[in-house]
Protein backbone atom coordinates (compact mmCIF):
# COMPACT_ATOMS: atom_id res chain seq x y z
CA UNK A 1 35.61 38.51 118.89
CA UNK A 2 33.74 41.70 119.38
CA UNK A 3 31.24 41.76 122.05
CA UNK A 4 28.60 44.22 123.63
CA UNK A 5 29.98 45.28 127.15
CA UNK A 6 27.53 43.69 129.54
CA UNK A 7 26.19 41.27 127.04
CA UNK A 8 27.52 38.24 129.32
CA UNK A 9 25.21 39.07 132.42
CA UNK A 10 23.16 36.61 134.09
CA UNK A 11 19.96 37.22 135.25
CA UNK A 12 16.22 37.17 133.99
CA UNK A 13 15.94 38.15 130.69
CA UNK A 14 14.29 41.41 131.62
CA UNK A 15 16.88 42.54 134.09
CA UNK A 16 19.66 41.58 131.27
CA UNK A 17 17.94 43.94 128.62
CA UNK A 18 17.66 46.59 130.97
CA UNK A 19 21.14 46.19 132.21
CA UNK A 20 22.29 46.33 128.25
CA UNK A 21 20.28 49.29 127.19
CA UNK A 22 21.31 51.25 130.32
CA UNK A 23 24.88 50.73 129.49
CA UNK A 24 24.63 51.25 125.93
CA UNK A 25 22.75 54.67 126.69
CA UNK A 26 25.80 55.54 129.21
CA UNK A 27 28.25 54.62 126.83
CA UNK A 28 27.12 56.73 124.02
CA UNK A 29 25.99 59.68 126.22
CA UNK A 30 29.27 61.31 126.00
CA UNK A 31 29.29 61.37 122.34
CA UNK A 32 25.83 63.17 122.16
CA UNK A 33 26.92 65.48 124.87
CA UNK A 34 29.83 66.63 122.84
CA UNK A 35 27.56 67.31 119.83
CA UNK A 36 25.19 69.08 121.88
CA UNK A 37 28.08 71.12 123.21
CA UNK A 38 28.91 72.02 119.69
CA UNK A 39 25.02 72.94 119.33
CA UNK A 40 25.40 75.22 122.21
CA UNK A 41 28.56 77.11 121.41
CA UNK A 42 27.25 77.91 118.02
CA UNK A 43 23.89 79.05 119.56
CA UNK A 44 25.90 81.46 122.22
CA UNK A 45 28.14 82.62 118.83
CA UNK A 46 31.25 81.72 120.47
CA UNK A 47 32.81 81.79 117.10
CA UNK A 48 31.23 83.25 113.77
CA UNK A 49 30.32 81.12 110.70
CA UNK A 50 34.05 81.44 109.25
CA UNK A 51 35.51 80.18 112.65
CA UNK A 52 33.39 77.21 112.33
CA UNK A 53 33.84 76.79 108.76
CA UNK A 54 37.73 76.74 109.49
CA UNK A 55 37.30 73.95 112.23
CA UNK A 56 35.35 71.83 109.49
CA UNK A 57 38.41 72.60 106.99
CA UNK A 58 40.62 71.59 109.60
CA UNK A 59 38.77 68.21 110.53
CA UNK A 60 38.37 67.07 107.02
CA UNK A 61 41.75 67.68 105.79
CA UNK A 62 44.00 67.07 108.91
CA UNK A 63 42.18 65.51 111.79
CA UNK A 64 39.81 63.07 110.19
CA UNK A 65 42.26 61.54 107.86
CA UNK A 66 44.95 61.27 110.61
CA UNK A 67 42.53 59.54 112.92
CA UNK A 68 41.65 56.99 110.28
CA UNK A 69 45.09 56.51 109.12
CA UNK A 70 46.76 55.89 112.72
CA UNK A 71 43.72 53.67 113.56
CA UNK A 72 44.17 51.50 110.55
CA UNK A 73 47.97 51.33 110.74
CA UNK A 74 47.49 50.11 114.76
CA UNK A 75 44.48 47.89 113.76
CA UNK A 76 44.91 44.05 114.44
CA UNK A 77 42.68 42.53 111.77
CA UNK A 78 43.69 39.03 112.22
CA UNK A 79 40.85 36.61 112.84
CA UNK A 80 38.47 38.81 110.92
CA UNK A 81 36.13 37.56 108.42
CA UNK A 82 36.61 40.73 106.03
CA UNK A 83 34.83 39.72 103.18
CA UNK A 84 31.80 38.46 105.00
CA UNK A 85 31.95 41.90 107.14
CA UNK A 86 31.96 44.10 103.99
CA UNK A 87 29.12 41.96 102.45
CA UNK A 88 27.17 42.16 105.72
CA UNK A 89 27.68 46.02 105.40
CA UNK A 90 27.87 46.69 101.80
CA UNK A 91 24.79 44.78 100.71
CA UNK A 92 22.17 46.94 102.54
CA UNK A 93 23.58 49.99 101.27
CA UNK A 94 23.58 48.85 97.67
CA UNK A 95 20.10 47.34 97.77
CA UNK A 96 18.43 50.44 99.60
CA UNK A 97 20.63 52.99 97.43
CA UNK A 98 19.44 51.07 94.21
CA UNK A 99 15.72 50.90 95.23
CA UNK A 100 15.85 54.32 96.02
CA UNK A 101 16.93 55.36 92.88
CA UNK A 102 14.38 53.45 91.22
CA UNK A 103 11.68 55.03 93.31
CA UNK A 104 13.06 58.69 92.58
CA UNK A 105 10.77 59.39 89.50
CA UNK A 106 7.69 58.13 91.17
CA UNK A 107 8.21 59.99 94.44
CA UNK A 108 8.73 63.29 92.39
CA UNK A 109 5.59 62.60 90.33
CA UNK A 110 3.58 61.84 93.58
CA UNK A 111 4.55 65.12 94.85
CA UNK A 112 5.98 63.44 98.06
CA UNK A 113 9.35 65.14 97.34
CA UNK A 114 10.67 67.57 94.78
CA UNK A 115 13.04 66.47 92.01
CA UNK A 116 15.40 69.09 93.30
CA UNK A 117 15.47 67.58 96.75
CA UNK A 118 16.07 64.00 95.54
CA UNK A 119 19.97 64.22 95.75
CA UNK A 120 19.75 65.30 99.29
CA UNK A 121 17.47 62.65 100.24
CA UNK A 122 19.59 60.12 98.43
CA UNK A 123 22.75 61.25 100.23
CA UNK A 124 21.30 61.59 103.50
CA UNK A 125 20.29 57.79 102.99
CA UNK A 126 23.25 55.97 102.10
CA UNK A 127 25.93 58.31 103.87
CA UNK A 128 27.00 57.20 107.51
CA UNK A 129 28.72 59.01 110.19
CA UNK A 130 31.71 56.84 110.49
CA UNK A 131 33.31 59.21 113.36
CA UNK A 132 30.18 58.67 115.48
CA UNK A 133 30.62 55.00 114.95
CA UNK A 134 34.25 55.14 115.88
CA UNK A 135 33.51 57.06 118.97
CA UNK A 136 30.86 54.72 120.06
CA UNK A 137 32.87 51.75 119.28
CA UNK A 138 35.67 53.05 121.46
CA UNK A 139 33.47 53.08 124.41
CA UNK A 140 31.16 50.07 123.66
CA UNK A 141 33.24 47.38 122.49
CA UNK A 142 36.38 45.53 122.58
CA UNK A 143 39.87 47.17 121.43
CA UNK A 144 39.39 46.05 117.76
CA UNK A 145 36.13 47.59 117.23
CA UNK A 146 37.46 50.73 116.25
CA UNK A 147 39.70 49.09 113.87
CA UNK A 148 36.70 47.14 112.21
CA UNK A 149 34.98 50.67 111.88
CA UNK A 150 37.98 52.29 110.28
CA UNK A 151 38.54 49.32 107.96
CA UNK A 152 34.73 49.40 106.82
CA UNK A 153 35.07 53.29 106.13
CA UNK A 154 38.37 52.58 104.13
CA UNK A 155 36.49 49.98 102.08
CA UNK A 156 33.09 51.93 101.51
CA UNK A 157 34.04 55.64 101.43
CA UNK A 158 34.96 55.57 97.77
CA UNK A 159 31.76 53.64 96.26
CA UNK A 160 29.60 55.85 98.77
CA UNK A 161 31.01 58.84 97.65
CA UNK A 162 30.96 58.16 94.33
CA UNK A 163 27.21 57.23 94.24
CA UNK A 164 26.57 60.35 96.20
CA UNK A 165 28.24 62.59 94.10
CA UNK A 166 27.13 61.24 90.84
CA UNK A 167 23.39 61.80 92.00
CA UNK A 168 24.28 65.24 93.16
CA UNK A 169 25.70 66.55 89.96
CA UNK A 170 22.87 64.65 87.91
CA UNK A 171 20.41 66.67 89.97
CA UNK A 172 22.12 69.64 90.12
CA UNK A 173 21.47 73.12 88.35
CA UNK A 174 25.02 73.49 87.18
CA UNK A 175 27.10 71.53 84.86
CA UNK A 176 28.15 67.94 86.07
CA UNK A 177 31.83 66.94 86.12
CA UNK A 178 31.16 63.71 84.32
CA UNK A 179 32.69 60.34 85.31
CA UNK A 180 36.36 61.34 85.33
CA UNK A 181 35.50 64.59 87.01
CA UNK A 182 33.65 62.96 89.80
CA UNK A 183 36.50 60.13 90.14
CA UNK A 184 39.17 63.06 90.22
CA UNK A 185 37.03 64.36 93.16
CA UNK A 186 37.28 61.15 94.92
CA UNK A 187 40.86 60.79 94.61
CA UNK A 188 41.57 64.23 95.98
CA UNK A 189 39.45 63.44 99.05
CA UNK A 190 42.03 63.41 101.98
CA UNK A 191 39.96 60.74 103.71
CA UNK A 192 39.95 58.60 100.92
CA UNK A 193 43.82 59.23 100.56
CA UNK A 194 44.59 58.54 104.12
CA UNK A 195 42.57 55.43 103.92
CA UNK A 196 44.38 54.28 101.00
CA UNK A 197 47.94 55.14 102.43
CA UNK A 198 47.42 53.33 105.42
CA UNK A 199 46.40 50.23 103.46
CA UNK A 200 49.62 50.52 101.39
CA UNK A 201 51.82 51.13 104.16
CA UNK A 202 50.40 47.89 106.03
CA UNK A 203 50.74 45.77 102.81
CA UNK A 204 54.29 47.14 102.31
CA UNK A 205 55.40 45.99 105.61
CA UNK A 206 57.48 49.24 106.45
CA UNK A 207 57.26 50.33 110.02
CA UNK A 208 56.68 53.90 110.82
CA UNK A 209 59.34 55.64 113.10
CA UNK A 210 58.07 56.07 116.78
CA UNK A 211 58.03 59.73 116.73
CA UNK A 212 56.01 59.83 113.81
CA UNK A 213 53.54 57.36 115.22
CA UNK A 214 53.38 59.40 118.69
CA UNK A 215 52.68 62.38 116.67
CA UNK A 216 49.96 61.17 114.74
CA UNK A 217 48.26 59.42 117.49
CA UNK A 218 48.30 62.76 119.43
CA UNK A 219 46.50 64.28 116.23
CA UNK A 220 44.24 61.63 116.11
CA UNK A 221 43.19 61.94 119.81
CA UNK A 222 41.66 65.41 119.19
CA UNK A 223 39.83 64.18 115.95
CA UNK A 224 36.74 62.77 117.30
CA UNK A 225 36.05 65.43 120.14
CA UNK A 226 36.51 68.15 117.61
CA UNK A 227 34.74 66.40 115.02
CA UNK A 228 31.73 66.04 117.05
CA UNK A 229 31.42 69.38 118.35
CA UNK A 230 31.78 70.38 114.60
CA UNK A 231 29.04 68.05 114.00
CA UNK A 232 26.88 69.76 116.75
CA UNK A 233 27.40 73.26 115.53
CA UNK A 234 26.21 72.06 111.97
CA UNK A 235 22.73 71.15 113.27
CA UNK A 236 19.98 73.23 112.27
CA UNK A 237 16.89 72.73 114.61
CA UNK A 238 14.81 75.55 112.89
CA UNK A 239 14.89 73.46 109.77
CA UNK A 240 12.95 70.68 111.60
CA UNK A 241 9.84 72.45 110.92
CA UNK A 242 7.18 71.68 109.58
CA UNK A 243 7.92 67.89 109.19
CA UNK A 244 7.67 66.91 105.33
CA UNK A 245 8.56 63.64 103.42
CA UNK A 246 11.71 64.77 102.33
CA UNK A 247 13.17 64.71 106.17
CA UNK A 248 11.06 61.58 107.04
CA UNK A 249 11.94 59.34 104.26
CA UNK A 250 15.63 59.18 104.61
CA UNK A 251 15.37 59.28 108.40
CA UNK A 252 13.42 55.92 108.41
CA UNK A 253 15.42 54.49 105.67
CA UNK A 254 18.89 55.30 107.72
CA UNK A 255 18.03 54.87 111.16
CA UNK A 256 15.33 52.01 110.91
CA UNK A 257 15.41 50.09 107.47
CA UNK A 258 19.34 50.09 106.97
CA UNK A 259 20.15 48.55 110.43
CA UNK A 260 17.48 46.03 110.18
CA UNK A 261 18.55 45.02 106.85
CA UNK A 262 22.21 44.76 107.88
CA UNK A 263 21.16 42.41 110.91
CA UNK A 264 18.93 40.31 108.73
CA UNK A 265 21.81 39.60 106.26
CA UNK A 266 23.74 38.61 109.28
CA UNK A 267 20.88 36.65 110.42
CA UNK A 268 20.29 34.71 107.17
CA UNK A 269 23.82 34.16 106.22
CA UNK A 270 25.83 34.20 109.37
CA UNK A 271 28.05 36.65 107.82
CA UNK A 272 29.84 38.64 110.39
CA UNK A 273 27.80 36.96 113.42
CA UNK A 274 30.36 37.52 116.02
CA UNK A 275 30.64 41.31 114.95
CA UNK A 276 26.86 41.70 114.97
CA UNK A 277 26.92 44.44 117.19
CA UNK A 278 29.50 46.58 115.24
CA UNK A 279 27.64 45.74 112.07
CA UNK A 280 24.50 47.31 113.85
CA UNK A 281 26.28 50.09 114.89
CA UNK A 282 27.93 50.95 111.49
CA UNK A 283 24.43 50.71 109.90
CA UNK A 284 22.43 52.75 112.58
CA UNK A 285 24.42 55.87 112.84
CA UNK A 286 23.26 58.84 111.47
CA UNK A 287 24.23 60.37 108.00
CA UNK A 288 27.52 62.23 107.49
CA UNK A 289 27.88 65.88 107.88
CA UNK A 290 30.47 66.19 104.90
CA UNK A 291 27.33 65.60 102.57
CA UNK A 292 26.24 69.04 103.27
CA UNK A 293 29.49 70.38 101.86
CA UNK A 294 29.00 68.57 98.55
CA UNK A 295 25.30 69.67 98.15
CA UNK A 296 26.56 73.29 98.75
CA UNK A 297 29.33 72.74 96.16
CA UNK A 298 27.71 71.13 93.58
CA UNK A 299 24.24 72.68 93.38
CA UNK A 300 22.43 70.06 95.75
CA UNK A 301 19.85 71.04 98.29
CA UNK A 302 21.99 72.01 101.15
CA UNK A 303 19.24 73.37 103.76
CA UNK A 304 17.26 70.16 103.51
CA UNK A 305 20.51 68.24 103.84
CA UNK A 306 21.14 70.31 107.10
CA UNK A 307 17.53 69.43 108.24
CA UNK A 308 17.88 65.77 107.90
CA UNK A 309 21.53 65.56 109.48
CA UNK A 310 19.75 67.41 112.48
CA UNK A 311 16.73 65.19 112.62
CA UNK A 312 18.92 61.87 112.12
CA UNK A 313 21.65 62.91 114.77
CA UNK A 314 19.03 63.73 117.49
CA UNK A 315 16.87 60.66 116.90
CA UNK A 316 19.90 58.48 116.73
CA UNK A 317 20.48 58.88 120.28
CA UNK A 318 17.62 56.93 120.97
CA UNK A 319 17.76 54.49 117.90
CA UNK A 320 21.43 53.41 118.62
CA UNK A 321 20.97 51.79 121.97
CA UNK A 322 17.87 49.89 120.77
CA UNK A 323 19.72 48.43 117.44
CA UNK A 324 22.94 47.48 119.77
CA UNK A 325 20.54 45.90 122.08
CA UNK A 326 18.73 43.87 119.42
CA UNK A 327 22.42 42.97 117.95
CA UNK A 328 23.19 41.64 121.47
CA UNK A 329 20.36 39.33 121.61
């Protein structure tokens, strides 16, 4: 069972709540401090833009895929209600994403957002930063929590990316790659390939040599720290002002409605009830930074994406502990 650290404390309801909130805050503080380190290093210009892009490239093509691969390979999935877990997390993304697509023309006609902004609003609503979730899970829950996060990433990364890229290319100024072009982009994604390779290796039952496992584990250990620093370096504080609907809407949907929907499904159906904390964490993390690269490459609104990433990342420092506390009630 996956349990919140401190969830078993005795005492009054008020003291228990305060204890859970305090320990949750302390647990995730290092994650956000690393993000702030990245922001600080970018501010003092330790590296130029090419250097930060090189770090992003290294993380995307090597560090993140190796981290996911080794986490899935080493994970113990026995006893997990995997279909229920996927349903509890997949349904909120499906329902909210579908509702947002339906509301897009109305939002554009009303002037709340520009039609050219919609793809970034959509992306920042349905994407989620699994690497922040991994970092928090490793500190906040028991040993198998990171494996659950990795499994969720493996299952959801393809449909989420297909939906996101399809919307971006539909709203972009340039030519769209079509269904098969979009699918090819997905199958060339190193994160997708790493997840598929790990699941295939587990299914085959073939062991990896110990030196290979050790090498991959060493690479994976550096992935979270470097990735979080890279997230911080990608934040754009100046883009937060003035506030507007195009940044506020995806932030409310991602940080408030998404975790509320996930926990609501757990409460009504009982699916994944023993993993409510991890489900809340996966739903409550901010949007992923890699959508910015997609927006920039495919003609989406990349500056808007950067503004929403910044806003969600900073606000999630407050909202994640709240949702983890609610999940522990």
